[in-house]
Amino acid sequence: MKSALLRALALLATGLLVGAFGYGAANLIPTFHRVPLQMRLEFHTELMRNNSISMQLTMAVAALSCLALAVVSAHRDRLLAAAATVFVISSFLITRLGNVPINHRINDWARNGVSADYATLLTRWDIFHFLRTGTALVAFMLIITLVVAAPRKR
């Protein structure tokens, strides 16, 4: 029973994580590229303020549920859950070490004007976002594989 609940939680959390990142990749980034720069900076700043807690919580629940699933599982399921944990943690590290420092710069630019290297940093933010979306997608696919291939108990 505990394993089934952990599978469901890991599936939900990794799905929410990749869904949020995927929405950003498919909709927000292209929109950011089409609006005036100041509008992008202001919207990005507000978005990050709102996302901060929810995304950190989603990443934490995804990582912890995948890790807990790895601990209680055996054989192939343990490997799949452990690999999913690594990919979720990779998403967190990309976010923390890549996107977040640029978010701080964007916050400053929204108030004080952009620096000379703004275009390079915005492109780098996009790259980090696509990377974290990819790692979250792999984690989700691993958990889907684990859940779909789980033996059915009657």
N, C-alpha and C. Protein backbone atom coordinates (compact mmCIF):
# COMPACT_ATOMS: atom_id res chain seq x y z
N MET A 1 0.83 -1.20 0.00
CA MET A 1 0.00 0.00 0.00
C MET A 1 0.87 1.26 0.00
N LYS A 2 1.88 1.28 0.87
CA LYS A 2 2.77 2.44 0.93
C LYS A 2 3.43 2.69 -0.41
N SER A 3 3.84 1.62 -1.08
CA SER A 3 4.50 1.75 -2.38
C SER A 3 3.54 2.33 -3.42
N ALA A 4 2.29 1.92 -3.39
CA ALA A 4 1.31 2.42 -4.35
C ALA A 4 1.07 3.92 -4.14
N LEU A 5 1.00 4.35 -2.90
CA LEU A 5 0.82 5.78 -2.62
C LEU A 5 2.04 6.59 -3.06
N LEU A 6 3.22 6.04 -2.82
CA LEU A 6 4.44 6.73 -3.25
C LEU A 6 4.52 6.80 -4.77
N ARG A 7 4.13 5.73 -5.45
CA ARG A 7 4.10 5.76 -6.92
C ARG A 7 3.17 6.86 -7.41
N ALA A 8 1.98 6.93 -6.80
CA ALA A 8 1.00 7.94 -7.21
C ALA A 8 1.53 9.35 -6.92
N LEU A 9 2.13 9.55 -5.76
CA LEU A 9 2.66 10.86 -5.41
C LEU A 9 3.82 11.25 -6.33
N ALA A 10 4.71 10.32 -6.59
CA ALA A 10 5.84 10.60 -7.49
C ALA A 10 5.35 10.90 -8.90
N LEU A 11 4.34 10.19 -9.35
CA LEU A 11 3.77 10.43 -10.67
C LEU A 11 3.14 11.82 -10.73
N LEU A 12 2.36 12.15 -9.71
CA LEU A 12 1.71 13.46 -9.67
C LEU A 12 2.75 14.59 -9.61
N ALA A 13 3.70 14.47 -8.71
CA ALA A 13 4.67 15.56 -8.50
C ALA A 13 5.58 15.75 -9.71
N THR A 14 6.06 14.67 -10.30
CA THR A 14 6.92 14.83 -11.48
C THR A 14 6.11 15.33 -12.67
N GLY A 15 4.84 14.93 -12.75
CA GLY A 15 3.97 15.43 -13.81
C GLY A 15 3.70 16.92 -13.66
N LEU A 16 3.44 17.35 -12.44
CA LEU A 16 3.24 18.79 -12.20
C LEU A 16 4.50 19.58 -12.52
N LEU A 17 5.64 19.04 -12.15
CA LEU A 17 6.91 19.73 -12.39
C LEU A 17 7.15 19.92 -13.89
N VAL A 18 7.07 18.84 -14.64
CA VAL A 18 7.33 18.97 -16.08
C VAL A 18 6.21 19.78 -16.75
N GLY A 19 5.01 19.69 -16.23
CA GLY A 19 3.92 20.48 -16.79
C GLY A 19 4.16 21.97 -16.63
N ALA A 20 4.60 22.37 -15.45
CA ALA A 20 4.88 23.79 -15.21
C ALA A 20 6.04 24.26 -16.08
N PHE A 21 7.11 23.49 -16.10
CA PHE A 21 8.26 23.86 -16.92
C PHE A 21 7.89 23.83 -18.41
N GLY A 22 7.12 22.83 -18.80
CA GLY A 22 6.73 22.70 -20.20
C GLY A 22 5.86 23.86 -20.66
N TYR A 23 4.96 24.30 -19.80
CA TYR A 23 4.13 25.46 -20.12
C TYR A 23 5.02 26.68 -20.36
N GLY A 24 5.99 26.85 -19.50
CA GLY A 24 6.93 27.97 -19.68
C GLY A 24 7.67 27.88 -20.99
N ALA A 25 8.15 26.67 -21.31
CA ALA A 25 8.92 26.49 -22.55
C ALA A 25 8.05 26.69 -23.79
N ALA A 26 6.83 26.20 -23.74
CA ALA A 26 5.96 26.25 -24.92
C ALA A 26 5.23 27.58 -25.08
N ASN A 27 4.96 28.27 -23.98
CA ASN A 27 4.12 29.46 -24.05
C ASN A 27 4.78 30.74 -23.55
N LEU A 28 5.41 30.69 -22.40
CA LEU A 28 5.96 31.91 -21.84
C LEU A 28 7.19 32.40 -22.60
N ILE A 29 8.13 31.51 -22.86
CA ILE A 29 9.36 31.94 -23.54
C ILE A 29 9.05 32.55 -24.91
N PRO A 30 8.24 31.91 -25.75
CA PRO A 30 7.93 32.56 -27.04
C PRO A 30 7.23 33.91 -26.86
N THR A 31 6.38 34.02 -25.85
CA THR A 31 5.70 35.29 -25.59
C THR A 31 6.71 36.34 -25.12
N PHE A 32 7.61 35.94 -24.23
CA PHE A 32 8.66 36.86 -23.78
C PHE A 32 9.43 37.45 -24.95
N HIS A 33 9.64 36.65 -25.99
CA HIS A 33 10.41 37.11 -27.14
C HIS A 33 9.63 38.07 -28.04
N ARG A 34 8.31 38.12 -27.88
CA ARG A 34 7.48 38.95 -28.76
C ARG A 34 7.02 40.26 -28.12
N VAL A 35 7.16 40.40 -26.82
CA VAL A 35 6.69 41.63 -26.17
C VAL A 35 7.86 42.59 -25.96
N PRO A 36 7.57 43.85 -25.71
CA PRO A 36 8.65 44.80 -25.42
C PRO A 36 9.47 44.33 -24.20
N LEU A 37 10.75 44.62 -24.23
CA LEU A 37 11.67 44.15 -23.20
C LEU A 37 11.23 44.53 -21.79
N GLN A 38 10.84 45.77 -21.57
CA GLN A 38 10.45 46.18 -20.22
C GLN A 38 9.24 45.39 -19.72
N MET A 39 8.30 45.11 -20.63
CA MET A 39 7.13 44.30 -20.26
C MET A 39 7.58 42.91 -19.84
N ARG A 40 8.50 42.33 -20.61
CA ARG A 40 9.01 41.00 -20.26
C ARG A 40 9.67 41.03 -18.88
N LEU A 41 10.49 42.02 -18.63
CA LEU A 41 11.21 42.09 -17.36
C LEU A 41 10.25 42.22 -16.19
N GLU A 42 9.25 43.08 -16.32
CA GLU A 42 8.28 43.27 -15.24
C GLU A 42 7.44 42.02 -15.03
N PHE A 43 6.98 41.42 -16.12
CA PHE A 43 6.17 40.21 -15.99
C PHE A 43 7.01 39.07 -15.41
N HIS A 44 8.24 38.92 -15.90
CA HIS A 44 9.14 37.87 -15.41
C HIS A 44 9.36 38.03 -13.91
N THR A 45 9.59 39.25 -13.47
CA THR A 45 9.81 39.52 -12.04
C THR A 45 8.60 39.10 -11.22
N GLU A 46 7.41 39.48 -11.65
CA GLU A 46 6.20 39.10 -10.91
C GLU A 46 5.95 37.60 -10.96
N LEU A 47 6.19 37.01 -12.11
CA LEU A 47 6.01 35.57 -12.26
C LEU A 47 6.93 34.80 -11.31
N MET A 48 8.19 35.20 -11.24
CA MET A 48 9.14 34.51 -10.36
C MET A 48 8.75 34.70 -8.90
N ARG A 49 8.23 35.85 -8.56
CA ARG A 49 7.78 36.08 -7.18
C ARG A 49 6.64 35.11 -6.84
N ASN A 50 5.71 34.93 -7.77
CA ASN A 50 4.59 34.02 -7.52
C ASN A 50 5.01 32.56 -7.59
N ASN A 51 5.93 32.24 -8.49
CA ASN A 51 6.36 30.85 -8.67
C ASN A 51 7.27 30.34 -7.57
N SER A 52 7.93 31.23 -6.88
CA SER A 52 8.99 30.85 -5.96
C SER A 52 8.59 29.71 -5.02
N ILE A 53 7.55 29.89 -4.27
CA ILE A 53 7.15 28.88 -3.29
C ILE A 53 6.57 27.64 -3.97
N SER A 54 5.67 27.84 -4.93
CA SER A 54 5.01 26.68 -5.54
C SER A 54 6.00 25.78 -6.29
N MET A 55 6.95 26.38 -6.99
CA MET A 55 7.92 25.56 -7.73
C MET A 55 8.91 24.88 -6.79
N GLN A 56 9.34 25.57 -5.76
CA GLN A 56 10.23 24.92 -4.79
C GLN A 56 9.52 23.74 -4.12
N LEU A 57 8.27 23.94 -3.76
CA LEU A 57 7.49 22.87 -3.13
C LEU A 57 7.30 21.70 -4.09
N THR A 58 6.98 22.00 -5.34
CA THR A 58 6.80 20.93 -6.33
C THR A 58 8.09 20.15 -6.54
N MET A 59 9.22 20.85 -6.65
CA MET A 59 10.50 20.16 -6.82
C MET A 59 10.83 19.32 -5.59
N ALA A 60 10.56 19.84 -4.40
CA ALA A 60 10.85 19.10 -3.17
C ALA A 60 9.99 17.84 -3.08
N VAL A 61 8.70 17.97 -3.36
CA VAL A 61 7.80 16.81 -3.29
C VAL A 61 8.20 15.78 -4.35
N ALA A 62 8.54 16.25 -5.54
CA ALA A 62 8.96 15.32 -6.60
C ALA A 62 10.23 14.58 -6.18
N ALA A 63 11.22 15.31 -5.69
CA ALA A 63 12.49 14.67 -5.31
C ALA A 63 12.28 13.71 -4.14
N LEU A 64 11.57 14.14 -3.12
CA LEU A 64 11.39 13.29 -1.93
C LEU A 64 10.52 12.07 -2.21
N SER A 65 9.49 12.25 -3.03
CA SER A 65 8.64 11.09 -3.34
C SER A 65 9.38 10.08 -4.21
N CYS A 66 10.18 10.55 -5.16
CA CYS A 66 10.99 9.63 -5.98
C CYS A 66 12.03 8.93 -5.13
N LEU A 67 12.67 9.68 -4.22
CA LEU A 67 13.67 9.08 -3.34
C LEU A 67 13.04 8.05 -2.41
N ALA A 68 11.90 8.39 -1.81
CA ALA A 68 11.21 7.44 -0.93
C ALA A 68 10.79 6.20 -1.70
N LEU A 69 10.35 6.39 -2.93
CA LEU A 69 9.96 5.25 -3.76
C LEU A 69 11.18 4.37 -4.05
N ALA A 70 12.32 4.98 -4.28
CA ALA A 70 13.55 4.20 -4.51
C ALA A 70 13.90 3.38 -3.28
N VAL A 71 13.71 3.96 -2.09
CA VAL A 71 14.05 3.28 -0.85
C VAL A 71 13.15 2.07 -0.61
N VAL A 72 11.86 2.20 -0.90
CA VAL A 72 10.93 1.10 -0.60
C VAL A 72 10.80 0.10 -1.75
N SER A 73 11.39 0.41 -2.89
CA SER A 73 11.27 -0.47 -4.05
C SER A 73 12.46 -1.41 -4.14
N ALA A 74 12.38 -2.32 -5.07
CA ALA A 74 13.47 -3.26 -5.29
C ALA A 74 13.73 -3.39 -6.80
N HIS A 75 14.90 -3.89 -7.10
CA HIS A 75 15.29 -4.25 -8.46
C HIS A 75 15.13 -3.09 -9.45
N ARG A 76 14.43 -3.36 -10.55
CA ARG A 76 14.28 -2.37 -11.62
C ARG A 76 13.55 -1.13 -11.14
N ASP A 77 12.53 -1.30 -10.31
CA ASP A 77 11.78 -0.14 -9.81
C ASP A 77 12.68 0.78 -8.98
N ARG A 78 13.56 0.19 -8.21
CA ARG A 78 14.49 1.00 -7.41
C ARG A 78 15.39 1.83 -8.34
N LEU A 79 15.89 1.19 -9.39
CA LEU A 79 16.75 1.91 -10.33
C LEU A 79 15.99 3.04 -11.04
N LEU A 80 14.77 2.77 -11.46
CA LEU A 80 13.96 3.79 -12.13
C LEU A 80 13.67 4.96 -11.19
N ALA A 81 13.28 4.66 -9.95
CA ALA A 81 12.97 5.73 -8.99
C ALA A 81 14.23 6.50 -8.62
N ALA A 82 15.35 5.81 -8.46
CA ALA A 82 16.60 6.49 -8.14
C ALA A 82 17.04 7.39 -9.30
N ALA A 83 16.90 6.91 -10.51
CA ALA A 83 17.25 7.73 -11.67
C ALA A 83 16.32 8.94 -11.76
N ALA A 84 15.03 8.75 -11.50
CA ALA A 84 14.09 9.87 -11.51
C ALA A 84 14.49 10.89 -10.45
N THR A 85 14.92 10.41 -9.29
CA THR A 85 15.38 11.32 -8.23
C THR A 85 16.55 12.17 -8.72
N VAL A 86 17.49 11.54 -9.38
CA VAL A 86 18.66 12.26 -9.91
C VAL A 86 18.22 13.33 -10.92
N PHE A 87 17.27 12.99 -11.77
CA PHE A 87 16.82 13.97 -12.77
C PHE A 87 16.03 15.12 -12.13
N VAL A 88 15.24 14.83 -11.11
CA VAL A 88 14.53 15.92 -10.42
C VAL A 88 15.53 16.82 -9.70
N ILE A 89 16.50 16.22 -9.05
CA ILE A 89 17.54 17.02 -8.38
C ILE A 89 18.32 17.83 -9.41
N SER A 90 18.54 17.26 -10.58
CA SER A 90 19.20 18.02 -11.65
C SER A 90 18.37 19.23 -12.04
N SER A 91 17.06 19.07 -12.13
CA SER A 91 16.18 20.21 -12.43
C SER A 91 16.33 21.28 -11.36
N PHE A 92 16.39 20.85 -10.11
CA PHE A 92 16.56 21.81 -9.01
C PHE A 92 17.89 22.54 -9.13
N LEU A 93 18.96 21.79 -9.37
CA LEU A 93 20.29 22.41 -9.45
C LEU A 93 20.40 23.36 -10.63
N ILE A 94 19.84 22.98 -11.77
CA ILE A 94 19.84 23.88 -12.93
C ILE A 94 19.10 25.16 -12.58
N THR A 95 17.97 25.02 -11.91
CA THR A 95 17.18 26.18 -11.50
C THR A 95 17.97 27.05 -10.54
N ARG A 96 18.48 26.43 -9.50
CA ARG A 96 19.15 27.19 -8.43
C ARG A 96 20.44 27.84 -8.90
N LEU A 97 21.23 27.11 -9.68
CA LEU A 97 22.53 27.62 -10.09
C LEU A 97 22.50 28.35 -11.43
N GLY A 98 21.47 28.10 -12.23
CA GLY A 98 21.39 28.72 -13.55
C GLY A 98 20.35 29.81 -13.64
N ASN A 99 19.08 29.45 -13.45
CA ASN A 99 17.99 30.41 -13.64
C ASN A 99 17.89 31.45 -12.53
N VAL A 100 18.03 31.02 -11.28
CA VAL A 100 17.82 31.95 -10.16
C VAL A 100 18.78 33.13 -10.18
N PRO A 101 20.08 32.93 -10.39
CA PRO A 101 20.95 34.12 -10.44
C PRO A 101 20.56 35.10 -11.56
N ILE A 102 20.10 34.55 -12.68
CA ILE A 102 19.65 35.43 -13.77
C ILE A 102 18.34 36.10 -13.38
N ASN A 103 17.47 35.40 -12.66
CA ASN A 103 16.23 36.02 -12.18
C ASN A 103 16.55 37.25 -11.33
N HIS A 104 17.57 37.16 -10.49
CA HIS A 104 17.96 38.30 -9.66
C HIS A 104 18.40 39.48 -10.53
N ARG A 105 19.12 39.17 -11.59
CA ARG A 105 19.53 40.24 -12.52
C ARG A 105 18.31 40.84 -13.21
N ILE A 106 17.38 40.00 -13.62
CA ILE A 106 16.16 40.48 -14.28
C ILE A 106 15.38 41.39 -13.33
N ASN A 107 15.29 41.01 -12.08
CA ASN A 107 14.61 41.86 -11.09
C ASN A 107 15.26 43.24 -11.04
N ASP A 108 16.58 43.27 -11.03
CA ASP A 108 17.31 44.54 -11.00
C ASP A 108 17.08 45.33 -12.29
N TRP A 109 17.11 44.65 -13.43
CA TRP A 109 16.89 45.33 -14.71
C TRP A 109 15.51 45.97 -14.78
N ALA A 110 14.51 45.27 -14.22
CA ALA A 110 13.14 45.80 -14.27
C ALA A 110 13.05 47.14 -13.55
N ARG A 111 13.86 47.32 -12.50
CA ARG A 111 13.84 48.57 -11.72
C ARG A 111 14.82 49.61 -12.24
N ASN A 112 16.00 49.15 -12.68
CA ASN A 112 17.11 50.09 -12.94
C ASN A 112 17.60 50.12 -14.38
N GLY A 113 16.99 49.36 -15.26
CA GLY A 113 17.44 49.32 -16.65
C GLY A 113 18.41 48.15 -16.87
N VAL A 114 18.49 47.72 -18.11
CA VAL A 114 19.27 46.53 -18.45
C VAL A 114 20.76 46.85 -18.52
N SER A 115 21.56 45.81 -18.33
CA SER A 115 23.01 45.92 -18.49
C SER A 115 23.35 45.59 -19.95
N ALA A 116 24.59 45.83 -20.31
CA ALA A 116 25.02 45.62 -21.70
C ALA A 116 24.90 44.16 -22.14
N ASP A 117 25.02 43.24 -21.20
CA ASP A 117 24.99 41.81 -21.53
C ASP A 117 23.61 41.18 -21.38
N TYR A 118 22.56 41.99 -21.33
CA TYR A 118 21.23 41.46 -21.05
C TYR A 118 20.78 40.39 -22.05
N ALA A 119 21.03 40.57 -23.33
CA ALA A 119 20.55 39.61 -24.35
C ALA A 119 21.21 38.26 -24.15
N THR A 120 22.49 38.26 -23.85
CA THR A 120 23.21 37.00 -23.61
C THR A 120 22.64 36.29 -22.38
N LEU A 121 22.38 37.05 -21.33
CA LEU A 121 21.85 36.44 -20.10
C LEU A 121 20.42 35.94 -20.29
N LEU A 122 19.61 36.65 -21.04
CA LEU A 122 18.25 36.17 -21.30
C LEU A 122 18.27 34.89 -22.14
N THR A 123 19.19 34.82 -23.10
CA THR A 123 19.34 33.59 -23.89
C THR A 123 19.81 32.45 -22.99
N ARG A 124 20.73 32.74 -22.09
CA ARG A 124 21.21 31.72 -21.15
C ARG A 124 20.08 31.25 -20.24
N TRP A 125 19.21 32.17 -19.80
CA TRP A 125 18.06 31.79 -18.98
C TRP A 125 17.18 30.80 -19.75
N ASP A 126 16.93 31.10 -21.02
CA ASP A 126 16.11 30.21 -21.86
C ASP A 126 16.76 28.82 -21.94
N ILE A 127 18.06 28.78 -22.16
CA ILE A 127 18.77 27.49 -22.27
C ILE A 127 18.64 26.71 -20.98
N PHE A 128 18.86 27.37 -19.85
CA PHE A 128 18.72 26.69 -18.56
C PHE A 128 17.28 26.19 -18.39
N HIS A 129 16.31 26.98 -18.83
CA HIS A 129 14.92 26.56 -18.69
C HIS A 129 14.65 25.30 -19.53
N PHE A 130 15.14 25.28 -20.76
CA PHE A 130 14.94 24.09 -21.60
C PHE A 130 15.66 22.88 -21.00
N LEU A 131 16.81 23.08 -20.42
CA LEU A 131 17.53 21.97 -19.77
C LEU A 131 16.74 21.42 -18.59
N ARG A 132 16.24 22.30 -17.73
CA ARG A 132 15.49 21.81 -16.57
C ARG A 132 14.16 21.19 -16.98
N THR A 133 13.58 21.69 -18.07
CA THR A 133 12.36 21.06 -18.59
C THR A 133 12.68 19.64 -19.06
N GLY A 134 13.81 19.48 -19.74
CA GLY A 134 14.22 18.16 -20.21
C GLY A 134 14.49 17.19 -19.08
N THR A 135 15.18 17.64 -18.04
CA THR A 135 15.46 16.73 -16.92
C THR A 135 14.17 16.37 -16.18
N ALA A 136 13.26 17.32 -16.06
CA ALA A 136 11.97 17.02 -15.43
C ALA A 136 11.17 16.04 -16.28
N LEU A 137 11.24 16.18 -17.60
CA LEU A 137 10.53 15.27 -18.50
C LEU A 137 11.08 13.85 -18.37
N VAL A 138 12.39 13.72 -18.31
CA VAL A 138 12.98 12.38 -18.16
C VAL A 138 12.54 11.77 -16.83
N ALA A 139 12.55 12.55 -15.75
CA ALA A 139 12.09 12.03 -14.45
C ALA A 139 10.65 11.54 -14.55
N PHE A 140 9.79 12.33 -15.16
CA PHE A 140 8.39 11.96 -15.32
C PHE A 140 8.25 10.67 -16.14
N MET A 141 9.00 10.57 -17.23
CA MET A 141 8.94 9.37 -18.07
C MET A 141 9.42 8.13 -17.30
N LEU A 142 10.43 8.29 -16.47
CA LEU A 142 10.90 7.16 -15.66
C LEU A 142 9.83 6.71 -14.68
N ILE A 143 9.16 7.66 -14.06
CA ILE A 143 8.09 7.30 -13.11
C ILE A 143 6.90 6.70 -13.84
N ILE A 144 6.57 7.22 -15.02
CA ILE A 144 5.50 6.61 -15.82
C ILE A 144 5.86 5.15 -16.11
N THR A 145 7.09 4.92 -16.52
CA THR A 145 7.53 3.55 -16.81
C THR A 145 7.39 2.66 -15.59
N LEU A 146 7.80 3.17 -14.45
CA LEU A 146 7.70 2.41 -13.20
C LEU A 146 6.24 2.10 -12.88
N VAL A 147 5.36 3.08 -13.00
CA VAL A 147 3.95 2.89 -12.65
C VAL A 147 3.26 1.96 -13.64
N VAL A 148 3.47 2.16 -14.92
CA VAL A 148 2.80 1.36 -15.94
C VAL A 148 3.26 -0.10 -15.88
N ALA A 149 4.53 -0.29 -15.61
CA ALA A 149 5.08 -1.65 -15.60
C ALA A 149 4.97 -2.33 -14.23
N ALA A 150 4.38 -1.64 -13.24
CA ALA A 150 4.26 -2.24 -11.91
C ALA A 150 3.34 -3.45 -11.95
N PRO A 151 3.72 -4.51 -11.26
CA PRO A 151 2.86 -5.71 -11.23
C PRO A 151 1.53 -5.39 -10.55
N ARG A 152 0.48 -5.92 -11.12
CA ARG A 152 -0.87 -5.70 -10.55
C ARG A 152 -1.15 -6.77 -9.49
N LYS A 153 -1.57 -6.30 -8.32
CA LYS A 153 -1.94 -7.23 -7.25
C LYS A 153 -3.45 -7.28 -7.15
N ARG A 154 -3.97 -8.46 -7.04
CA ARG A 154 -5.44 -8.62 -6.98
C ARG A 154 -5.87 -8.93 -5.58
